[in-house]
């Protein structure tokens, strides 16, 4: 990874300007995008107000993380592919919104290390447990990375179902359509034991799959 990109992102995300930008963007999302998508949400109280937390939503559109920003009472951090940081002005905005650059595909260890560092600092970290974007409302094939992060950092994991964003802004779209979006935030799932064997992490991931499917079913039923 380009060390300069990473260093700049960390510096901006930690600066006072990031707090102002994050707050302004949250207001913009809340009072412009939410009405545009006629957003309905439930379960916001399930997001812990302090301590390390992994917010684990389904991933169907680039809108997903943006629309979740006003849900929490504190700033959340996220991992974003490094290529998004190549345009300086956009990189500054992403970093100010709490995004951290990682090189997709060849740097899983690097992204895990960055995520652990953020959670060890008590962050609310957004992680898509399905990995890249998926289609439809069926949850399957979650990666064990979420279980590993939760076990090593003691972070609780909050499953989040989101319906409507796939239709509002599917892959390849440049402008979103005014499709209703619904968000259902499930109850926090305690982390696995930090010394749990791989088999236990797989069982925990299976439980997360069930929790995420329940949250997604709830989101779909709200539409």
C-alpha atoms as a PDB file:
ATOM      1  CA  UNK A   1       0.000   0.000   0.000  1.00  0.00           C
ATOM      2  CA  UNK A   2       1.075   3.549  -0.651  1.00  0.00           C
ATOM      3  CA  UNK A   3       2.309   4.662   2.775  1.00  0.00           C
ATOM      4  CA  UNK A   4       1.630   8.313   1.964  1.00  0.00           C
ATOM      5  CA  UNK A   5      -2.027   7.571   1.171  1.00  0.00           C
ATOM      6  CA  UNK A   6      -2.440   5.662   4.415  1.00  0.00           C
ATOM      7  CA  UNK A   7      -0.668   8.280   6.501  1.00  0.00           C
ATOM      8  CA  UNK A   8      -2.705  11.116   5.014  1.00  0.00           C
ATOM      9  CA  UNK A   9      -5.945   9.231   5.619  1.00  0.00           C
ATOM     10  CA  UNK A  10      -5.061   8.610   9.246  1.00  0.00           C
ATOM     11  CA  UNK A  11      -4.051  12.238   9.754  1.00  0.00           C
ATOM     12  CA  UNK A  12      -7.233  13.656   8.240  1.00  0.00           C
ATOM     13  CA  UNK A  13      -9.528  11.197  10.012  1.00  0.00           C
ATOM     14  CA  UNK A  14      -7.985  12.164  13.332  1.00  0.00           C
ATOM     15  CA  UNK A  15      -8.167  15.905  12.751  1.00  0.00           C
ATOM     16  CA  UNK A  16     -10.705  18.433  13.966  1.00  0.00           C
ATOM     17  CA  UNK A  17     -11.843  19.028  10.391  1.00  0.00           C
ATOM     18  CA  UNK A  18     -13.032  15.443  10.164  1.00  0.00           C
ATOM     19  CA  UNK A  19     -15.445  16.005  13.046  1.00  0.00           C
ATOM     20  CA  UNK A  20     -16.947  19.027  11.287  1.00  0.00           C
ATOM     21  CA  UNK A  21     -17.152  17.271   7.917  1.00  0.00           C
ATOM     22  CA  UNK A  22     -18.584  14.087   9.400  1.00  0.00           C
ATOM     23  CA  UNK A  23     -21.239  16.041  11.268  1.00  0.00           C
ATOM     24  CA  UNK A  24     -22.145  18.075   8.192  1.00  0.00           C
ATOM     25  CA  UNK A  25     -22.415  15.012   5.970  1.00  0.00           C
ATOM     26  CA  UNK A  26     -24.542  13.206   8.553  1.00  0.00           C
ATOM     27  CA  UNK A  27     -26.969  16.149   8.562  1.00  0.00           C
ATOM     28  CA  UNK A  28     -27.020  16.158   4.760  1.00  0.00           C
ATOM     29  CA  UNK A  29     -27.755  12.433   4.629  1.00  0.00           C
ATOM     30  CA  UNK A  30     -30.403  12.658   7.342  1.00  0.00           C
ATOM     31  CA  UNK A  31     -32.335  15.553   5.836  1.00  0.00           C
ATOM     32  CA  UNK A  32     -31.722  15.042   2.105  1.00  0.00           C
ATOM     33  CA  UNK A  33     -31.021  11.388   1.314  1.00  0.00           C
ATOM     34  CA  UNK A  34     -33.299   9.835   3.909  1.00  0.00           C
ATOM     35  CA  UNK A  35     -36.364  11.746   2.644  1.00  0.00           C
ATOM     36  CA  UNK A  36     -35.329  11.053  -0.963  1.00  0.00           C
ATOM     37  CA  UNK A  37     -35.382   7.315  -0.275  1.00  0.00           C
ATOM     38  CA  UNK A  38     -38.348   7.582   2.147  1.00  0.00           C
ATOM     39  CA  UNK A  39     -36.145   5.678   4.563  1.00  0.00           C
ATOM     40  CA  UNK A  40     -37.651   3.611   7.362  1.00  0.00           C
ATOM     41  CA  UNK A  41     -35.496   2.258  10.169  1.00  0.00           C
ATOM     42  CA  UNK A  42     -35.822   0.229  13.321  1.00  0.00           C
ATOM     43  CA  UNK A  43     -33.477  -0.948  16.058  1.00  0.00           C
ATOM     44  CA  UNK A  44     -31.191   2.063  16.246  1.00  0.00           C
ATOM     45  CA  UNK A  45     -31.009   1.587  20.022  1.00  0.00           C
ATOM     46  CA  UNK A  46     -29.188  -1.718  19.434  1.00  0.00           C
ATOM     47  CA  UNK A  47     -25.953   0.085  18.517  1.00  0.00           C
ATOM     48  CA  UNK A  48     -23.822   0.357  21.695  1.00  0.00           C
ATOM     49  CA  UNK A  49     -22.870   3.928  22.551  1.00  0.00           C
ATOM     50  CA  UNK A  50     -19.313   3.057  23.587  1.00  0.00           C
ATOM     51  CA  UNK A  51     -16.623   0.417  23.324  1.00  0.00           C
ATOM     52  CA  UNK A  52     -15.426  -1.585  20.316  1.00  0.00           C
ATOM     53  CA  UNK A  53     -18.334  -2.512  18.054  1.00  0.00           C
ATOM     54  CA  UNK A  54     -18.511  -4.047  14.594  1.00  0.00           C
ATOM     55  CA  UNK A  55     -21.475  -2.822  12.572  1.00  0.00           C
ATOM     56  CA  UNK A  56     -22.124  -5.690  10.152  1.00  0.00           C
ATOM     57  CA  UNK A  57     -24.596  -4.802   7.385  1.00  0.00           C
ATOM     58  CA  UNK A  58     -25.517  -6.609   4.205  1.00  0.00           C
ATOM     59  CA  UNK A  59     -23.865  -5.094   1.139  1.00  0.00           C
ATOM     60  CA  UNK A  60     -26.018  -4.439  -1.913  1.00  0.00           C
ATOM     61  CA  UNK A  61     -25.032  -0.927  -3.035  1.00  0.00           C
ATOM     62  CA  UNK A  62     -22.569   1.919  -2.557  1.00  0.00           C
ATOM     63  CA  UNK A  63     -25.418   3.644  -0.709  1.00  0.00           C
ATOM     64  CA  UNK A  64     -25.313   1.200   2.209  1.00  0.00           C
ATOM     65  CA  UNK A  65     -22.596   2.777   4.339  1.00  0.00           C
ATOM     66  CA  UNK A  66     -23.703   6.345   3.571  1.00  0.00           C
ATOM     67  CA  UNK A  67     -27.283   5.800   4.694  1.00  0.00           C
ATOM     68  CA  UNK A  68     -26.131   4.155   7.936  1.00  0.00           C
ATOM     69  CA  UNK A  69     -23.999   7.112   9.066  1.00  0.00           C
ATOM     70  CA  UNK A  70     -26.796   8.989  10.907  1.00  0.00           C
ATOM     71  CA  UNK A  71     -27.952   5.817  12.699  1.00  0.00           C
ATOM     72  CA  UNK A  72     -25.214   5.840  15.341  1.00  0.00           C
ATOM     73  CA  UNK A  73     -24.645   8.505  17.953  1.00  0.00           C
ATOM     74  CA  UNK A  74     -20.915   8.351  17.291  1.00  0.00           C
ATOM     75  CA  UNK A  75     -18.666   8.298  14.241  1.00  0.00           C
ATOM     76  CA  UNK A  76     -18.043   4.966  12.628  1.00  0.00           C
ATOM     77  CA  UNK A  77     -14.920   3.947  10.784  1.00  0.00           C
ATOM     78  CA  UNK A  78     -14.723   1.743   7.714  1.00  0.00           C
ATOM     79  CA  UNK A  79     -12.239   0.121   5.356  1.00  0.00           C
ATOM     80  CA  UNK A  80     -12.326   1.293   1.730  1.00  0.00           C
ATOM     81  CA  UNK A  81     -10.423   0.120  -1.314  1.00  0.00           C
ATOM     82  CA  UNK A  82      -7.235   2.087  -1.917  1.00  0.00           C
ATOM     83  CA  UNK A  83      -8.160   3.095  -5.464  1.00  0.00           C
ATOM     84  CA  UNK A  84     -10.873   5.399  -4.108  1.00  0.00           C
ATOM     85  CA  UNK A  85      -8.179   7.514  -2.448  1.00  0.00           C
ATOM     86  CA  UNK A  86      -6.289   8.379  -5.644  1.00  0.00           C
ATOM     87  CA  UNK A  87      -8.267  11.581  -6.261  1.00  0.00           C
ATOM     88  CA  UNK A  88      -6.976  13.954  -3.590  1.00  0.00           C
ATOM     89  CA  UNK A  89     -10.209  15.850  -2.878  1.00  0.00           C
ATOM     90  CA  UNK A  90     -12.289  12.659  -2.729  1.00  0.00           C
ATOM     91  CA  UNK A  91      -9.611  10.989  -0.610  1.00  0.00           C
ATOM     92  CA  UNK A  92      -9.830  13.831   1.896  1.00  0.00           C
ATOM     93  CA  UNK A  93     -13.614  13.470   2.087  1.00  0.00           C
ATOM     94  CA  UNK A  94     -13.430   9.694   2.538  1.00  0.00           C
ATOM     95  CA  UNK A  95     -10.806  10.022   5.259  1.00  0.00           C
ATOM     96  CA  UNK A  96     -12.791  12.739   7.010  1.00  0.00           C
ATOM     97  CA  UNK A  97     -15.773  10.394   7.004  1.00  0.00           C
ATOM     98  CA  UNK A  98     -13.685   7.781   8.805  1.00  0.00           C
ATOM     99  CA  UNK A  99     -12.660   5.565   5.887  1.00  0.00           C
ATOM    100  CA  UNK A 100      -9.305   3.819   5.979  1.00  0.00           C
ATOM    101  CA  UNK A 101      -7.601   2.714   2.717  1.00  0.00           C
ATOM    102  CA  UNK A 102      -6.751  -0.936   2.141  1.00  0.00           C
ATOM    103  CA  UNK A 103      -5.523  -2.730  -0.954  1.00  0.00           C
ATOM    104  CA  UNK A 104      -8.240  -5.155  -1.998  1.00  0.00           C
ATOM    105  CA  UNK A 105      -7.390  -8.740  -2.850  1.00  0.00           C
ATOM    106  CA  UNK A 106      -3.717  -8.951  -1.951  1.00  0.00           C
ATOM    107  CA  UNK A 107      -3.606  -7.380   1.486  1.00  0.00           C
ATOM    108  CA  UNK A 108      -6.056  -9.202   3.734  1.00  0.00           C
ATOM    109  CA  UNK A 109      -3.517  -9.215   6.549  1.00  0.00           C
ATOM    110  CA  UNK A 110      -3.010  -5.496   6.189  1.00  0.00           C
ATOM    111  CA  UNK A 111      -6.728  -4.739   6.327  1.00  0.00           C
ATOM    112  CA  UNK A 112      -7.205  -7.028   9.328  1.00  0.00           C
ATOM    113  CA  UNK A 113      -4.312  -5.310  11.094  1.00  0.00           C
ATOM    114  CA  UNK A 114      -5.832  -1.885  10.417  1.00  0.00           C
ATOM    115  CA  UNK A 115      -9.252  -3.046  11.593  1.00  0.00           C
ATOM    116  CA  UNK A 116      -7.823  -4.528  14.799  1.00  0.00           C
ATOM    117  CA  UNK A 117      -6.012  -1.285  15.530  1.00  0.00           C
ATOM    118  CA  UNK A 118      -9.223   0.726  15.158  1.00  0.00           C
ATOM    119  CA  UNK A 119     -11.240  -1.653  17.335  1.00  0.00           C
ATOM    120  CA  UNK A 120      -8.515  -1.791  19.976  1.00  0.00           C
ATOM    121  CA  UNK A 121      -8.983   1.970  20.193  1.00  0.00           C
ATOM    122  CA  UNK A 122     -12.701   1.506  20.937  1.00  0.00           C
ATOM    123  CA  UNK A 123     -14.004   2.346  17.461  1.00  0.00           C
ATOM    124  CA  UNK A 124     -17.360   1.602  15.885  1.00  0.00           C
ATOM    125  CA  UNK A 125     -16.157  -0.153  12.744  1.00  0.00           C
ATOM    126  CA  UNK A 126     -18.317  -0.919   9.712  1.00  0.00           C
ATOM    127  CA  UNK A 127     -17.460  -4.312   8.202  1.00  0.00           C
ATOM    128  CA  UNK A 128     -19.367  -6.022   5.402  1.00  0.00           C
ATOM    129  CA  UNK A 129     -19.282  -9.696   6.512  1.00  0.00           C
ATOM    130  CA  UNK A 130     -20.297 -10.846   3.019  1.00  0.00           C
ATOM    131  CA  UNK A 131     -17.170  -9.228   1.580  1.00  0.00           C
ATOM    132  CA  UNK A 132     -17.996  -7.548  -1.718  1.00  0.00           C
ATOM    133  CA  UNK A 133     -21.416  -6.630  -3.025  1.00  0.00           C
ATOM    134  CA  UNK A 134     -23.993  -9.403  -3.284  1.00  0.00           C
ATOM    135  CA  UNK A 135     -27.441  -9.595  -4.854  1.00  0.00           C
ATOM    136  CA  UNK A 136     -30.817 -10.566  -3.449  1.00  0.00           C
ATOM    137  CA  UNK A 137     -32.022 -10.994   0.108  1.00  0.00           C
ATOM    138  CA  UNK A 138     -30.484 -14.384   0.900  1.00  0.00           C
ATOM    139  CA  UNK A 139     -27.451 -14.321   3.212  1.00  0.00           C
ATOM    140  CA  UNK A 140     -24.863 -16.999   2.537  1.00  0.00           C
ATOM    141  CA  UNK A 141     -21.140 -17.599   2.609  1.00  0.00           C
ATOM    142  CA  UNK A 142     -20.004 -15.123   5.260  1.00  0.00           C
ATOM    143  CA  UNK A 143     -16.259 -14.793   5.724  1.00  0.00           C
ATOM    144  CA  UNK A 144     -14.679 -15.733   9.075  1.00  0.00           C
ATOM    145  CA  UNK A 145     -12.886 -12.377   9.220  1.00  0.00           C
ATOM    146  CA  UNK A 146     -15.667 -10.799  11.280  1.00  0.00           C
ATOM    147  CA  UNK A 147     -15.485 -13.627  13.819  1.00  0.00           C
ATOM    148  CA  UNK A 148     -11.706 -13.293  14.010  1.00  0.00           C
ATOM    149  CA  UNK A 149     -11.872  -9.537  14.569  1.00  0.00           C
ATOM    150  CA  UNK A 150     -14.551  -9.872  17.224  1.00  0.00           C
ATOM    151  CA  UNK A 151     -12.629 -12.617  19.038  1.00  0.00           C
ATOM    152  CA  UNK A 152      -9.327 -10.749  19.048  1.00  0.00           C
ATOM    153  CA  UNK A 153     -10.728  -7.352  20.071  1.00  0.00           C
ATOM    154  CA  UNK A 154     -13.733  -8.270  22.223  1.00  0.00           C
ATOM    155  CA  UNK A 155     -16.018  -6.280  19.936  1.00  0.00           C
ATOM    156  CA  UNK A 156     -19.720  -7.074  19.858  1.00  0.00           C
ATOM    157  CA  UNK A 157     -21.214  -7.438  16.391  1.00  0.00           C
ATOM    158  CA  UNK A 158     -24.441  -5.759  15.299  1.00  0.00           C
ATOM    159  CA  UNK A 159     -26.143  -7.310  12.227  1.00  0.00           C
ATOM    160  CA  UNK A 160     -27.900  -4.842   9.917  1.00  0.00           C
ATOM    161  CA  UNK A 161     -30.407  -5.657   7.205  1.00  0.00           C
ATOM    162  CA  UNK A 162     -30.921  -3.182   4.359  1.00  0.00           C
ATOM    163  CA  UNK A 163     -33.553  -3.440   1.636  1.00  0.00           C
ATOM    164  CA  UNK A 164     -34.055  -1.154  -1.352  1.00  0.00           C
ATOM    165  CA  UNK A 165     -30.518   0.077  -1.987  1.00  0.00           C
ATOM    166  CA  UNK A 166     -29.881  -2.592  -4.615  1.00  0.00           C
ATOM    167  CA  UNK A 167     -32.805  -1.282  -6.652  1.00  0.00           C
ATOM    168  CA  UNK A 168     -32.060   2.366  -5.863  1.00  0.00           C
ATOM    169  CA  UNK A 169     -28.472   2.227  -7.056  1.00  0.00           C
ATOM    170  CA  UNK A 170     -27.406  -1.084  -8.602  1.00  0.00           C
ATOM    171  CA  UNK A 171     -23.851  -1.770  -9.705  1.00  0.00           C
ATOM    172  CA  UNK A 172     -22.887   0.474 -12.628  1.00  0.00           C
ATOM    173  CA  UNK A 173     -25.409   3.193 -11.800  1.00  0.00           C
ATOM    174  CA  UNK A 174     -24.215   6.773 -11.424  1.00  0.00           C
ATOM    175  CA  UNK A 175     -27.335   8.345  -9.989  1.00  0.00           C
ATOM    176  CA  UNK A 176     -29.702   6.806  -7.421  1.00  0.00           C
ATOM    177  CA  UNK A 177     -33.404   6.331  -8.025  1.00  0.00           C
ATOM    178  CA  UNK A 178     -36.006   7.293  -5.383  1.00  0.00           C
ATOM    179  CA  UNK A 179     -36.722   3.746  -4.211  1.00  0.00           C
ATOM    180  CA  UNK A 180     -37.831   3.214  -0.600  1.00  0.00           C
ATOM    181  CA  UNK A 181     -35.004   1.982   1.633  1.00  0.00           C
ATOM    182  CA  UNK A 182     -35.556   0.127   4.911  1.00  0.00           C
ATOM    183  CA  UNK A 183     -32.945  -0.567   7.575  1.00  0.00           C
ATOM    184  CA  UNK A 184     -33.311  -3.078  10.417  1.00  0.00           C
ATOM    185  CA  UNK A 185     -30.616  -3.121  13.105  1.00  0.00           C
ATOM    186  CA  UNK A 186     -30.459  -6.379  15.061  1.00  0.00           C
ATOM    187  CA  UNK A 187     -29.371  -7.020  18.619  1.00  0.00           C
ATOM    188  CA  UNK A 188     -25.623  -7.104  19.359  1.00  0.00           C
ATOM    189  CA  UNK A 189     -24.015 -10.535  19.203  1.00  0.00           C
ATOM    190  CA  UNK A 190     -21.325 -11.160  21.865  1.00  0.00           C
ATOM    191  CA  UNK A 191     -17.861 -11.937  20.464  1.00  0.00           C
ATOM    192  CA  UNK A 192     -16.381 -15.429  20.422  1.00  0.00           C
ATOM    193  CA  UNK A 193     -13.782 -16.314  23.013  1.00  0.00           C
ATOM    194  CA  UNK A 194     -10.389 -14.863  22.103  1.00  0.00           C
ATOM    195  CA  UNK A 195      -8.825 -18.330  22.292  1.00  0.00           C
ATOM    196  CA  UNK A 196     -11.591 -20.075  20.367  1.00  0.00           C
ATOM    197  CA  UNK A 197     -10.455 -22.671  17.793  1.00  0.00           C
ATOM    198  CA  UNK A 198     -11.270 -22.239  14.128  1.00  0.00           C
ATOM    199  CA  UNK A 199     -14.215 -24.634  14.422  1.00  0.00           C
ATOM    200  CA  UNK A 200     -15.779 -22.391  17.084  1.00  0.00           C
ATOM    201  CA  UNK A 201     -15.284 -19.345  14.871  1.00  0.00           C
ATOM    202  CA  UNK A 202     -17.108 -21.145  12.073  1.00  0.00           C
ATOM    203  CA  UNK A 203     -20.000 -21.916  14.426  1.00  0.00           C
ATOM    204  CA  UNK A 204     -20.094 -18.278  15.527  1.00  0.00           C
ATOM    205  CA  UNK A 205     -20.112 -17.179  11.878  1.00  0.00           C
ATOM    206  CA  UNK A 206     -23.068 -19.489  11.268  1.00  0.00           C
ATOM    207  CA  UNK A 207     -24.893 -17.759  14.141  1.00  0.00           C
ATOM    208  CA  UNK A 208     -24.072 -14.365  12.610  1.00  0.00           C
ATOM    209  CA  UNK A 209     -25.484 -15.598   9.297  1.00  0.00           C
ATOM    210  CA  UNK A 210     -28.759 -16.394  11.053  1.00  0.00           C
ATOM    211  CA  UNK A 211     -28.821 -13.008  12.804  1.00  0.00           C
ATOM    212  CA  UNK A 212     -28.063 -11.148   9.584  1.00  0.00           C
ATOM    213  CA  UNK A 213     -30.766 -13.070   7.712  1.00  0.00           C
ATOM    214  CA  UNK A 214     -33.285 -12.190  10.427  1.00  0.00           C
ATOM    215  CA  UNK A 215     -32.327  -8.521  10.165  1.00  0.00           C
ATOM    216  CA  UNK A 216     -32.597  -8.636   6.374  1.00  0.00           C
ATOM    217  CA  UNK A 217     -36.005 -10.330   6.515  1.00  0.00           C
ATOM    218  CA  UNK A 218     -37.194  -7.603   8.886  1.00  0.00           C
ATOM    219  CA  UNK A 219     -35.921  -4.874   6.552  1.00  0.00           C
ATOM    220  CA  UNK A 220     -37.691  -6.461   3.595  1.00  0.00           C
ATOM    221  CA  UNK A 221     -40.959  -6.753   5.544  1.00  0.00           C
ATOM    222  CA  UNK A 222     -40.857  -3.004   6.311  1.00  0.00           C
ATOM    223  CA  UNK A 223     -40.915  -2.012   2.646  1.00  0.00           C
END
